Each structure stands twice: as C-alpha cells, then as structure tokens.
C-alpha cells in the first residue's frame, strides 16, 4: 500500500486548517499590514521544499508555502469581512476600517 497521497492530503488539510484562524488573528492584531508575515513564511517554506530530499516532506512543505501565499489575499479579504461586520473589529484599530 502507498500512503503518500493520504499523508500529503492530510498535511494539506491541516495546513489550510492552520492558516485560516491565523489569517483571522493576524488581521485582528496587525491589520492589512501583516500580509508580509505570510509572504516571508511562504518564501522560507518554498526554499526549504527545494532543499529537502525527502519527497513527502518536500511536498508537504511546498503545500504549506502555497497556503501561506494564499493567506496573503485572505488577509485583505478578512479586512473587508470585518468592515461588513461579519467578524469582530479590533477596537484599537477603528480608524483602519473607515472609508
């Protein structure tokens, strides 16, 4: 039996599951200017995936890298969700949500 697909699939599922709440918290505390954290994490994971020799580990790290890159766009979308009232606003950053 080959468990590679199951392992990679589970890792991608966890990666997405981790990035979703991190995106919400990142936008809450740092606002849109926190996007660079996802960018740096994505770059580090991309380079790491190129250097790792193990096929499964390289694939999992690359999948996490692209989840981080996807998170960049989600930070900006989360900002809009907060403006619409779908998520709580950080009271310390009220001015960030004005038109």
PDB file of N, CA and C in Angstrom:
ATOM      1  N   UNK A   1       0.843  -1.186   0.000  1.00  0.00           N
ATOM      2  CA  UNK A   1       0.000   0.000   0.000  1.00  0.00           C
ATOM      3  C   UNK A   1       0.883   1.243   0.000  1.00  0.00           C
ATOM      4  N   UNK A   2       0.403   2.245  -0.694  1.00  0.00           N
ATOM      5  CA  UNK A   2       1.136   3.505  -0.786  1.00  0.00           C
ATOM      6  C   UNK A   2       0.344   4.580  -0.032  1.00  0.00           C
ATOM      7  N   UNK A   3       0.914   5.068   1.050  1.00  0.00           N
ATOM      8  CA  UNK A   3       0.235   6.063   1.887  1.00  0.00           C
ATOM      9  C   UNK A   3       0.651   7.496   1.565  1.00  0.00           C
ATOM     10  N   UNK A   4       1.461   7.684   0.545  1.00  0.00           N
ATOM     11  CA  UNK A   4       1.966   9.025   0.225  1.00  0.00           C
ATOM     12  C   UNK A   4       0.829  10.019  -0.005  1.00  0.00           C
ATOM     13  N   UNK A   5      -0.141   9.643  -0.808  1.00  0.00           N
ATOM     14  CA  UNK A   5      -1.260  10.544  -1.101  1.00  0.00           C
ATOM     15  C   UNK A   5      -2.060  10.899   0.132  1.00  0.00           C
ATOM     16  N   UNK A   6      -2.284   9.924   0.988  1.00  0.00           N
ATOM     17  CA  UNK A   6      -3.037  10.162   2.224  1.00  0.00           C
ATOM     18  C   UNK A   6      -2.257  11.105   3.144  1.00  0.00           C
ATOM     19  N   UNK A   7      -0.960  10.889   3.241  1.00  0.00           N
ATOM     20  CA  UNK A   7      -0.124  11.739   4.098  1.00  0.00           C
ATOM     21  C   UNK A   7      -0.120  13.174   3.584  1.00  0.00           C
ATOM     22  N   UNK A   8       0.096  13.344   2.295  1.00  0.00           N
ATOM     23  CA  UNK A   8       0.122  14.688   1.706  1.00  0.00           C
ATOM     24  C   UNK A   8      -1.255  15.345   1.820  1.00  0.00           C
ATOM     25  N   UNK A   9      -2.307  14.595   1.545  1.00  0.00           N
ATOM     26  CA  UNK A   9      -3.660  15.144   1.655  1.00  0.00           C
ATOM     27  C   UNK A   9      -3.985  15.610   3.059  1.00  0.00           C
ATOM     28  N   UNK A  10      -3.617  14.801   4.045  1.00  0.00           N
ATOM     29  CA  UNK A  10      -3.860  15.179   5.438  1.00  0.00           C
ATOM     30  C   UNK A  10      -3.043  16.412   5.822  1.00  0.00           C
ATOM     31  N   UNK A  11      -1.807  16.477   5.331  1.00  0.00           N
ATOM     32  CA  UNK A  11      -0.955  17.632   5.636  1.00  0.00           C
ATOM     33  C   UNK A  11      -1.510  18.911   5.012  1.00  0.00           C
ATOM     34  N   UNK A  12      -2.019  18.819   3.794  1.00  0.00           N
ATOM     35  CA  UNK A  12      -2.605  19.994   3.141  1.00  0.00           C
ATOM     36  C   UNK A  12      -3.867  20.426   3.896  1.00  0.00           C
ATOM     37  N   UNK A  13      -4.663  19.460   4.293  1.00  0.00           N
ATOM     38  CA  UNK A  13      -5.867  19.751   5.076  1.00  0.00           C
ATOM     39  C   UNK A  13      -5.504  20.496   6.363  1.00  0.00           C
ATOM     40  N   UNK A  14      -4.489  20.001   7.076  1.00  0.00           N
ATOM     41  CA  UNK A  14      -4.034  20.665   8.301  1.00  0.00           C
ATOM     42  C   UNK A  14      -3.445  22.039   8.017  1.00  0.00           C
ATOM     43  N   UNK A  15      -2.734  22.156   6.921  1.00  0.00           N
ATOM     44  CA  UNK A  15      -2.136  23.435   6.537  1.00  0.00           C
ATOM     45  C   UNK A  15      -3.208  24.497   6.338  1.00  0.00           C
ATOM     46  N   UNK A  16      -4.240  24.137   5.610  1.00  0.00           N
ATOM     47  CA  UNK A  16      -5.350  25.068   5.387  1.00  0.00           C
ATOM     48  C   UNK A  16      -6.054  25.361   6.712  1.00  0.00           C
ATOM     49  N   UNK A  17      -6.227  24.323   7.516  1.00  0.00           N
ATOM     50  CA  UNK A  17      -6.867  24.492   8.819  1.00  0.00           C
ATOM     51  C   UNK A  17      -6.091  25.382   9.758  1.00  0.00           C
ATOM     52  N   UNK A  18      -4.781  25.378   9.640  1.00  0.00           N
ATOM     53  CA  UNK A  18      -3.931  26.241  10.462  1.00  0.00           C
ATOM     54  C   UNK A  18      -3.949  27.677   9.944  1.00  0.00           C
ATOM     55  N   UNK A  19      -3.857  27.827   8.633  1.00  0.00           N
ATOM     56  CA  UNK A  19      -3.773  29.175   8.051  1.00  0.00           C
ATOM     57  C   UNK A  19      -5.057  29.979   8.219  1.00  0.00           C
ATOM     58  N   UNK A  20      -6.206  29.323   8.244  1.00  0.00           N
ATOM     59  CA  UNK A  20      -7.469  30.057   8.343  1.00  0.00           C
ATOM     60  C   UNK A  20      -7.585  30.862   9.648  1.00  0.00           C
ATOM     61  N   UNK A  21      -7.433  30.242  10.816  1.00  0.00           N
ATOM     62  CA  UNK A  21      -7.529  31.060  12.038  1.00  0.00           C
ATOM     63  C   UNK A  21      -6.360  32.022  12.208  1.00  0.00           C
ATOM     64  N   UNK A  22      -5.191  31.660  11.667  1.00  0.00           N
ATOM     65  CA  UNK A  22      -4.042  32.570  11.742  1.00  0.00           C
ATOM     66  C   UNK A  22      -4.337  33.839  10.952  1.00  0.00           C
ATOM     67  N   UNK A  23      -4.978  33.693   9.806  1.00  0.00           N
ATOM     68  CA  UNK A  23      -5.361  34.847   8.991  1.00  0.00           C
ATOM     69  C   UNK A  23      -6.294  35.768   9.765  1.00  0.00           C
ATOM     70  N   UNK A  24      -7.264  35.195  10.436  1.00  0.00           N
ATOM     71  CA  UNK A  24      -8.227  35.992  11.203  1.00  0.00           C
ATOM     72  C   UNK A  24      -7.522  36.745  12.334  1.00  0.00           C
ATOM     73  N   UNK A  25      -6.677  36.054  13.072  1.00  0.00           N
ATOM     74  CA  UNK A  25      -5.960  36.693  14.183  1.00  0.00           C
ATOM     75  C   UNK A  25      -4.959  37.734  13.689  1.00  0.00           C
ATOM     76  N   UNK A  26      -4.271  37.420  12.595  1.00  0.00           N
ATOM     77  CA  UNK A  26      -3.288  38.346  12.042  1.00  0.00           C
ATOM     78  C   UNK A  26      -3.957  39.659  11.640  1.00  0.00           C
ATOM     79  N   UNK A  27      -5.108  39.556  10.967  1.00  0.00           N
ATOM     80  CA  UNK A  27      -5.816  40.765  10.560  1.00  0.00           C
ATOM     81  C   UNK A  27      -6.332  41.511  11.777  1.00  0.00           C
ATOM     82  N   UNK A  28      -6.767  40.797  12.800  1.00  0.00           N
ATOM     83  CA  UNK A  28      -7.298  41.441  14.000  1.00  0.00           C
ATOM     84  C   UNK A  28      -6.222  42.270  14.698  1.00  0.00           C
ATOM     85  N   UNK A  29      -5.034  41.696  14.845  1.00  0.00           N
ATOM     86  CA  UNK A  29      -3.979  42.376  15.610  1.00  0.00           C
ATOM     87  C   UNK A  29      -3.104  43.305  14.772  1.00  0.00           C
ATOM     88  N   UNK A  30      -2.860  42.963  13.507  1.00  0.00           N
ATOM     89  CA  UNK A  30      -1.950  43.783  12.695  1.00  0.00           C
ATOM     90  C   UNK A  30      -2.623  44.481  11.513  1.00  0.00           C
ATOM     91  N   UNK A  31      -3.813  44.051  11.167  1.00  0.00           N
ATOM     92  CA  UNK A  31      -4.489  44.633  10.017  1.00  0.00           C
ATOM     93  C   UNK A  31      -3.869  44.149   8.721  1.00  0.00           C
ATOM     94  N   UNK A  32      -4.113  44.902   7.665  1.00  0.00           N
ATOM     95  CA  UNK A  32      -3.603  44.508   6.343  1.00  0.00           C
ATOM     96  C   UNK A  32      -2.090  44.540   6.266  1.00  0.00           C
ATOM     97  N   UNK A  33      -1.460  45.316   7.122  1.00  0.00           N
ATOM     98  CA  UNK A  33      -0.001  45.420   7.041  1.00  0.00           C
ATOM     99  C   UNK A  33       0.712  44.150   7.496  1.00  0.00           C
ATOM    100  N   UNK A  34      -0.014  43.173   8.016  1.00  0.00           N
ATOM    101  CA  UNK A  34       0.588  41.915   8.446  1.00  0.00           C
ATOM    102  C   UNK A  34       0.765  40.891   7.332  1.00  0.00           C
ATOM    103  N   UNK A  35       0.393  41.251   6.110  1.00  0.00           N
ATOM    104  CA  UNK A  35       0.472  40.306   4.989  1.00  0.00           C
ATOM    105  C   UNK A  35       1.884  39.795   4.765  1.00  0.00           C
ATOM    106  N   UNK A  36       2.876  40.608   5.071  1.00  0.00           N
ATOM    107  CA  UNK A  36       4.268  40.227   4.813  1.00  0.00           C
ATOM    108  C   UNK A  36       4.703  39.019   5.637  1.00  0.00           C
ATOM    109  N   UNK A  37       4.046  38.754   6.755  1.00  0.00           N
ATOM    110  CA  UNK A  37       4.381  37.571   7.559  1.00  0.00           C
ATOM    111  C   UNK A  37       4.080  36.308   6.761  1.00  0.00           C
ATOM    112  N   UNK A  38       2.929  36.288   6.100  1.00  0.00           N
ATOM    113  CA  UNK A  38       2.608  35.154   5.233  1.00  0.00           C
ATOM    114  C   UNK A  38       3.583  35.068   4.066  1.00  0.00           C
ATOM    115  N   UNK A  39       3.974  36.225   3.539  1.00  0.00           N
ATOM    116  CA  UNK A  39       4.903  36.235   2.410  1.00  0.00           C
ATOM    117  C   UNK A  39       6.258  35.648   2.795  1.00  0.00           C
ATOM    118  N   UNK A  40       6.804  36.086   3.914  1.00  0.00           N
ATOM    119  CA  UNK A  40       8.096  35.571   4.379  1.00  0.00           C
ATOM    120  C   UNK A  40       8.001  34.071   4.675  1.00  0.00           C
ATOM    121  N   UNK A  41       6.939  33.661   5.362  1.00  0.00           N
ATOM    122  CA  UNK A  41       6.756  32.237   5.664  1.00  0.00           C
ATOM    123  C   UNK A  41       6.655  31.419   4.381  1.00  0.00           C
ATOM    124  N   UNK A  42       5.945  31.943   3.394  1.00  0.00           N
ATOM    125  CA  UNK A  42       5.821  31.255   2.112  1.00  0.00           C
ATOM    126  C   UNK A  42       7.153  31.131   1.395  1.00  0.00           C
ATOM    127  N   UNK A  43       7.941  32.206   1.420  1.00  0.00           N
ATOM    128  CA  UNK A  43       9.259  32.155   0.779  1.00  0.00           C
ATOM    129  C   UNK A  43      10.188  31.159   1.474  1.00  0.00           C
ATOM    130  N   UNK A  44      10.198  31.192   2.791  1.00  0.00           N
ATOM    131  CA  UNK A  44      11.054  30.275   3.555  1.00  0.00           C
ATOM    132  C   UNK A  44      10.653  28.823   3.274  1.00  0.00           C
ATOM    133  N   UNK A  45       9.378  28.549   3.276  1.00  0.00           N
ATOM    134  CA  UNK A  45       8.913  27.182   3.015  1.00  0.00           C
ATOM    135  C   UNK A  45       9.178  26.760   1.574  1.00  0.00           C
ATOM    136  N   UNK A  46       9.067  27.685   0.637  1.00  0.00           N
ATOM    137  CA  UNK A  46       9.362  27.353  -0.761  1.00  0.00           C
ATOM    138  C   UNK A  46      10.817  26.962  -0.924  1.00  0.00           C
ATOM    139  N   UNK A  47      11.717  27.756  -0.381  1.00  0.00           N
ATOM    140  CA  UNK A  47      13.152  27.448  -0.468  1.00  0.00           C
ATOM    141  C   UNK A  47      13.454  26.141   0.263  1.00  0.00           C
ATOM    142  N   UNK A  48      12.844  25.964   1.426  1.00  0.00           N
ATOM    143  CA  UNK A  48      13.056  24.733   2.185  1.00  0.00           C
ATOM    144  C   UNK A  48      12.602  23.511   1.386  1.00  0.00           C
ATOM    145  N   UNK A  49      11.470  23.624   0.717  1.00  0.00           N
ATOM    146  CA  UNK A  49      10.971  22.481  -0.058  1.00  0.00           C
ATOM    147  C   UNK A  49      11.909  22.126  -1.205  1.00  0.00           C
ATOM    148  N   UNK A  50      12.631  23.113  -1.718  1.00  0.00           N
ATOM    149  CA  UNK A  50      13.602  22.843  -2.790  1.00  0.00           C
ATOM    150  C   UNK A  50      14.849  22.135  -2.265  1.00  0.00           C
ATOM    151  N   UNK A  51      15.137  22.334  -0.995  1.00  0.00           N
ATOM    152  CA  UNK A  51      16.363  21.789  -0.422  1.00  0.00           C
ATOM    153  C   UNK A  51      16.176  20.438   0.271  1.00  0.00           C
ATOM    154  N   UNK A  52      14.947  20.095   0.597  1.00  0.00           N
ATOM    155  CA  UNK A  52      14.675  18.836   1.289  1.00  0.00           C
ATOM    156  C   UNK A  52      14.684  17.693   0.283  1.00  0.00           C
ATOM    157  N   UNK A  53      15.363  16.618   0.611  1.00  0.00           N
ATOM    158  CA  UNK A  53      15.481  15.489  -0.315  1.00  0.00           C
ATOM    159  C   UNK A  53      14.295  14.535  -0.237  1.00  0.00           C
ATOM    160  N   UNK A  54      13.664  14.436   0.908  1.00  0.00           N
ATOM    161  CA  UNK A  54      12.535  13.524   1.061  1.00  0.00           C
ATOM    162  C   UNK A  54      11.339  14.043   0.275  1.00  0.00           C
ATOM    163  N   UNK A  55      10.790  13.199  -0.593  1.00  0.00           N
ATOM    164  CA  UNK A  55       9.695  13.592  -1.477  1.00  0.00           C
ATOM    165  C   UNK A  55       8.456  14.039  -0.695  1.00  0.00           C
ATOM    166  N   UNK A  56       8.076  13.279   0.298  1.00  0.00           N
ATOM    167  CA  UNK A  56       6.865  13.600   1.057  1.00  0.00           C
ATOM    168  C   UNK A  56       7.037  14.892   1.840  1.00  0.00           C
ATOM    169  N   UNK A  57       8.156  15.034   2.535  1.00  0.00           N
ATOM    170  CA  UNK A  57       8.398  16.242   3.327  1.00  0.00           C
ATOM    171  C   UNK A  57       8.476  17.470   2.415  1.00  0.00           C
ATOM    172  N   UNK A  58       9.152  17.337   1.290  1.00  0.00           N
ATOM    173  CA  UNK A  58       9.255  18.445   0.339  1.00  0.00           C
ATOM    174  C   UNK A  58       7.874  18.869  -0.158  1.00  0.00           C
ATOM    175  N   UNK A  59       7.035  17.904  -0.462  1.00  0.00           N
ATOM    176  CA  UNK A  59       5.681  18.194  -0.941  1.00  0.00           C
ATOM    177  C   UNK A  59       4.840  18.867   0.127  1.00  0.00           C
ATOM    178  N   UNK A  60       4.933  18.378   1.345  1.00  0.00           N
ATOM    179  CA  UNK A  60       4.156  18.947   2.447  1.00  0.00           C
ATOM    180  C   UNK A  60       4.604  20.384   2.739  1.00  0.00           C
ATOM    181  N   UNK A  61       5.900  20.622   2.741  1.00  0.00           N
ATOM    182  CA  UNK A  61       6.417  21.972   3.000  1.00  0.00           C
ATOM    183  C   UNK A  61       6.014  22.920   1.866  1.00  0.00           C
ATOM    184  N   UNK A  62       6.063  22.450   0.633  1.00  0.00           N
ATOM    185  CA  UNK A  62       5.641  23.281  -0.506  1.00  0.00           C
ATOM    186  C   UNK A  62       4.152  23.594  -0.425  1.00  0.00           C
ATOM    187  N   UNK A  63       3.351  22.622  -0.028  1.00  0.00           N
ATOM    188  CA  UNK A  63       1.915  22.863   0.119  1.00  0.00           C
ATOM    189  C   UNK A  63       1.651  23.914   1.196  1.00  0.00           C
ATOM    190  N   UNK A  64       2.400  23.849   2.290  1.00  0.00           N
ATOM    191  CA  UNK A  64       2.257  24.861   3.333  1.00  0.00           C
ATOM    192  C   UNK A  64       2.681  26.235   2.812  1.00  0.00           C
ATOM    193  N   UNK A  65       3.731  26.268   1.987  1.00  0.00           N
ATOM    194  CA  UNK A  65       4.190  27.532   1.399  1.00  0.00           C
ATOM    195  C   UNK A  65       3.069  28.184   0.604  1.00  0.00           C
ATOM    196  N   UNK A  66       2.393  27.394  -0.211  1.00  0.00           N
ATOM    197  CA  UNK A  66       1.344  27.970  -1.036  1.00  0.00           C
ATOM    198  C   UNK A  66       0.086  28.279  -0.241  1.00  0.00           C
ATOM    199  N   UNK A  67      -0.120  27.611   0.881  1.00  0.00           N
ATOM    200  CA  UNK A  67      -1.197  28.012   1.789  1.00  0.00           C
ATOM    201  C   UNK A  67      -0.887  29.386   2.378  1.00  0.00           C
ATOM    202  N   UNK A  68       0.386  29.625   2.669  1.00  0.00           N
ATOM    203  CA  UNK A  68       0.796  30.946   3.172  1.00  0.00           C
ATOM    204  C   UNK A  68       0.598  32.015   2.102  1.00  0.00           C
ATOM    205  N   UNK A  69       0.972  31.709   0.865  1.00  0.00           N
ATOM    206  CA  UNK A  69       0.772  32.681  -0.216  1.00  0.00           C
ATOM    207  C   UNK A  69      -0.718  32.977  -0.400  1.00  0.00           C
ATOM    208  N   UNK A  70      -1.553  31.970  -0.293  1.00  0.00           N
ATOM    209  CA  UNK A  70      -3.000  32.172  -0.385  1.00  0.00           C
ATOM    210  C   UNK A  70      -3.471  33.059   0.780  1.00  0.00           C
ATOM    211  N   UNK A  71      -2.844  32.893   1.927  1.00  0.00           N
ATOM    212  CA  UNK A  71      -3.201  33.670   3.104  1.00  0.00           C
ATOM    213  C   UNK A  71      -3.006  35.168   2.924  1.00  0.00           C
ATOM    214  N   UNK A  72      -2.090  35.560   2.036  1.00  0.00           N
ATOM    215  CA  UNK A  72      -1.878  36.989   1.770  1.00  0.00           C
ATOM    216  C   UNK A  72      -3.173  37.623   1.270  1.00  0.00           C
ATOM    217  N   UNK A  73      -3.783  36.997   0.291  1.00  0.00           N
ATOM    218  CA  UNK A  73      -5.050  37.510  -0.236  1.00  0.00           C
ATOM    219  C   UNK A  73      -6.160  37.453   0.790  1.00  0.00           C
ATOM    220  N   UNK A  74      -6.126  36.418   1.612  1.00  0.00           N
ATOM    221  CA  UNK A  74      -7.160  36.269   2.632  1.00  0.00           C
ATOM    222  C   UNK A  74      -7.077  37.340   3.710  1.00  0.00           C
ATOM    223  N   UNK A  75      -5.889  37.857   3.986  1.00  0.00           N
ATOM    224  CA  UNK A  75      -5.759  38.948   4.956  1.00  0.00           C
ATOM    225  C   UNK A  75      -6.540  40.165   4.462  1.00  0.00           C
ATOM    226  N   UNK A  76      -6.407  40.469   3.171  1.00  0.00           N
ATOM    227  CA  UNK A  76      -7.123  41.621   2.611  1.00  0.00           C
ATOM    228  C   UNK A  76      -8.631  41.352   2.549  1.00  0.00           C
ATOM    229  N   UNK A  77      -9.011  40.119   2.231  1.00  0.00           N
ATOM    230  CA  UNK A  77     -10.437  39.771   2.221  1.00  0.00           C
ATOM    231  C   UNK A  77     -11.007  39.803   3.637  1.00  0.00           C
ATOM    232  N   UNK A  78     -10.202  39.384   4.616  1.00  0.00           N
ATOM    233  CA  UNK A  78     -10.647  39.410   6.009  1.00  0.00           C
ATOM    234  C   UNK A  78     -10.908  40.845   6.457  1.00  0.00           C
ATOM    235  N   UNK A  79     -10.084  41.765   5.989  1.00  0.00           N
ATOM    236  CA  UNK A  79     -10.293  43.177   6.307  1.00  0.00           C
ATOM    237  C   UNK A  79     -11.678  43.623   5.827  1.00  0.00           C
ATOM    238  N   UNK A  80     -12.053  43.198   4.634  1.00  0.00           N
ATOM    239  CA  UNK A  80     -13.371  43.550   4.097  1.00  0.00           C
ATOM    240  C   UNK A  80     -14.490  42.869   4.891  1.00  0.00           C
ATOM    241  N   UNK A  81     -14.258  41.640   5.309  1.00  0.00           N
ATOM    242  CA  UNK A  81     -15.263  40.940   6.118  1.00  0.00           C
ATOM    243  C   UNK A  81     -15.500  41.666   7.436  1.00  0.00           C
ATOM    244  N   UNK A  82     -14.436  42.185   8.027  1.00  0.00           N
ATOM    245  CA  UNK A  82     -14.571  42.934   9.279  1.00  0.00           C
ATOM    246  C   UNK A  82     -15.336  44.225   9.016  1.00  0.00           C
ATOM    247  N   UNK A  83     -15.019  44.896   7.916  1.00  0.00           N
ATOM    248  CA  UNK A  83     -15.733  46.142   7.567  1.00  0.00           C
ATOM    249  C   UNK A  83     -17.228  45.896   7.396  1.00  0.00           C
ATOM    250  N   UNK A  84     -17.593  44.717   6.882  1.00  0.00           N
ATOM    251  CA  UNK A  84     -19.001  44.378   6.682  1.00  0.00           C
ATOM    252  C   UNK A  84     -19.686  43.942   7.979  1.00  0.00           C
ATOM    253  N   UNK A  85     -18.898  43.742   9.035  1.00  0.00           N
ATOM    254  CA  UNK A  85     -19.461  43.346  10.310  1.00  0.00           C
ATOM    255  C   UNK A  85     -19.565  41.843  10.501  1.00  0.00           C
ATOM    256  N   UNK A  86     -18.970  41.075   9.624  1.00  0.00           N
ATOM    257  CA  UNK A  86     -19.035  39.612   9.722  1.00  0.00           C
ATOM    258  C   UNK A  86     -18.092  39.068  10.778  1.00  0.00           C
ATOM    259  N   UNK A  87     -17.053  39.812  11.117  1.00  0.00           N
ATOM    260  CA  UNK A  87     -16.070  39.416  12.130  1.00  0.00           C
ATOM    261  C   UNK A  87     -15.842  40.593  13.060  1.00  0.00           C
ATOM    262  N   UNK A  88     -15.382  40.330  14.287  1.00  0.00           N
ATOM    263  CA  UNK A  88     -15.175  41.432  15.233  1.00  0.00           C
ATOM    264  C   UNK A  88     -14.019  42.349  14.831  1.00  0.00           C
ATOM    265  N   UNK A  89     -14.202  43.611  15.119  1.00  0.00           N
ATOM    266  CA  UNK A  89     -13.195  44.627  14.828  1.00  0.00           C
ATOM    267  C   UNK A  89     -12.323  44.844  16.058  1.00  0.00           C
ATOM    268  N   UNK A  90     -11.043  45.043  15.828  1.00  0.00           N
ATOM    269  CA  UNK A  90     -10.137  45.377  16.922  1.00  0.00           C
ATOM    270  C   UNK A  90     -10.394  46.838  17.292  1.00  0.00           C
ATOM    271  N   UNK A  91     -10.865  47.112  18.497  1.00  0.00           N
ATOM    272  CA  UNK A  91     -11.192  48.492  18.876  1.00  0.00           C
ATOM    273  C   UNK A  91      -9.985  49.427  18.849  1.00  0.00           C
ATOM    274  N   UNK A  92      -8.796  48.875  18.937  1.00  0.00           N
ATOM    275  CA  UNK A  92      -7.591  49.710  18.891  1.00  0.00           C
ATOM    276  C   UNK A  92      -7.285  50.188  17.478  1.00  0.00           C
ATOM    277  N   UNK A  93      -7.931  49.588  16.475  1.00  0.00           N
ATOM    278  CA  UNK A  93      -7.646  49.950  15.087  1.00  0.00           C
ATOM    279  C   UNK A  93      -8.915  50.398  14.359  1.00  0.00           C
ATOM    280  N   UNK A  94      -9.800  51.086  15.037  1.00  0.00           N
ATOM    281  CA  UNK A  94     -11.071  51.520  14.440  1.00  0.00           C
ATOM    282  C   UNK A  94     -10.864  52.368  13.184  1.00  0.00           C
ATOM    283  N   UNK A  95      -9.836  53.195  13.182  1.00  0.00           N
ATOM    284  CA  UNK A  95      -9.601  54.089  12.054  1.00  0.00           C
ATOM    285  C   UNK A  95      -9.213  53.349  10.771  1.00  0.00           C
ATOM    286  N   UNK A  96      -8.708  52.132  10.897  1.00  0.00           N
ATOM    287  CA  UNK A  96      -8.308  51.355   9.715  1.00  0.00           C
ATOM    288  C   UNK A  96      -9.511  50.925   8.876  1.00  0.00           C
ATOM    289  N   UNK A  97     -10.697  50.950   9.470  1.00  0.00           N
ATOM    290  CA  UNK A  97     -11.881  50.446   8.784  1.00  0.00           C
ATOM    291  C   UNK A  97     -12.769  51.535   8.215  1.00  0.00           C
ATOM    292  N   UNK A  98     -12.347  52.759   8.335  1.00  0.00           N
ATOM    293  CA  UNK A  98     -13.150  53.864   7.782  1.00  0.00           C
ATOM    294  C   UNK A  98     -12.868  53.997   6.294  1.00  0.00           C
ATOM    295  N   UNK A  99     -13.908  54.387   5.558  1.00  0.00           N
ATOM    296  CA  UNK A  99     -13.780  54.531   4.091  1.00  0.00           C
ATOM    297  C   UNK A  99     -12.897  55.653   3.687  1.00  0.00           C
TER     298      UNK A  99
END
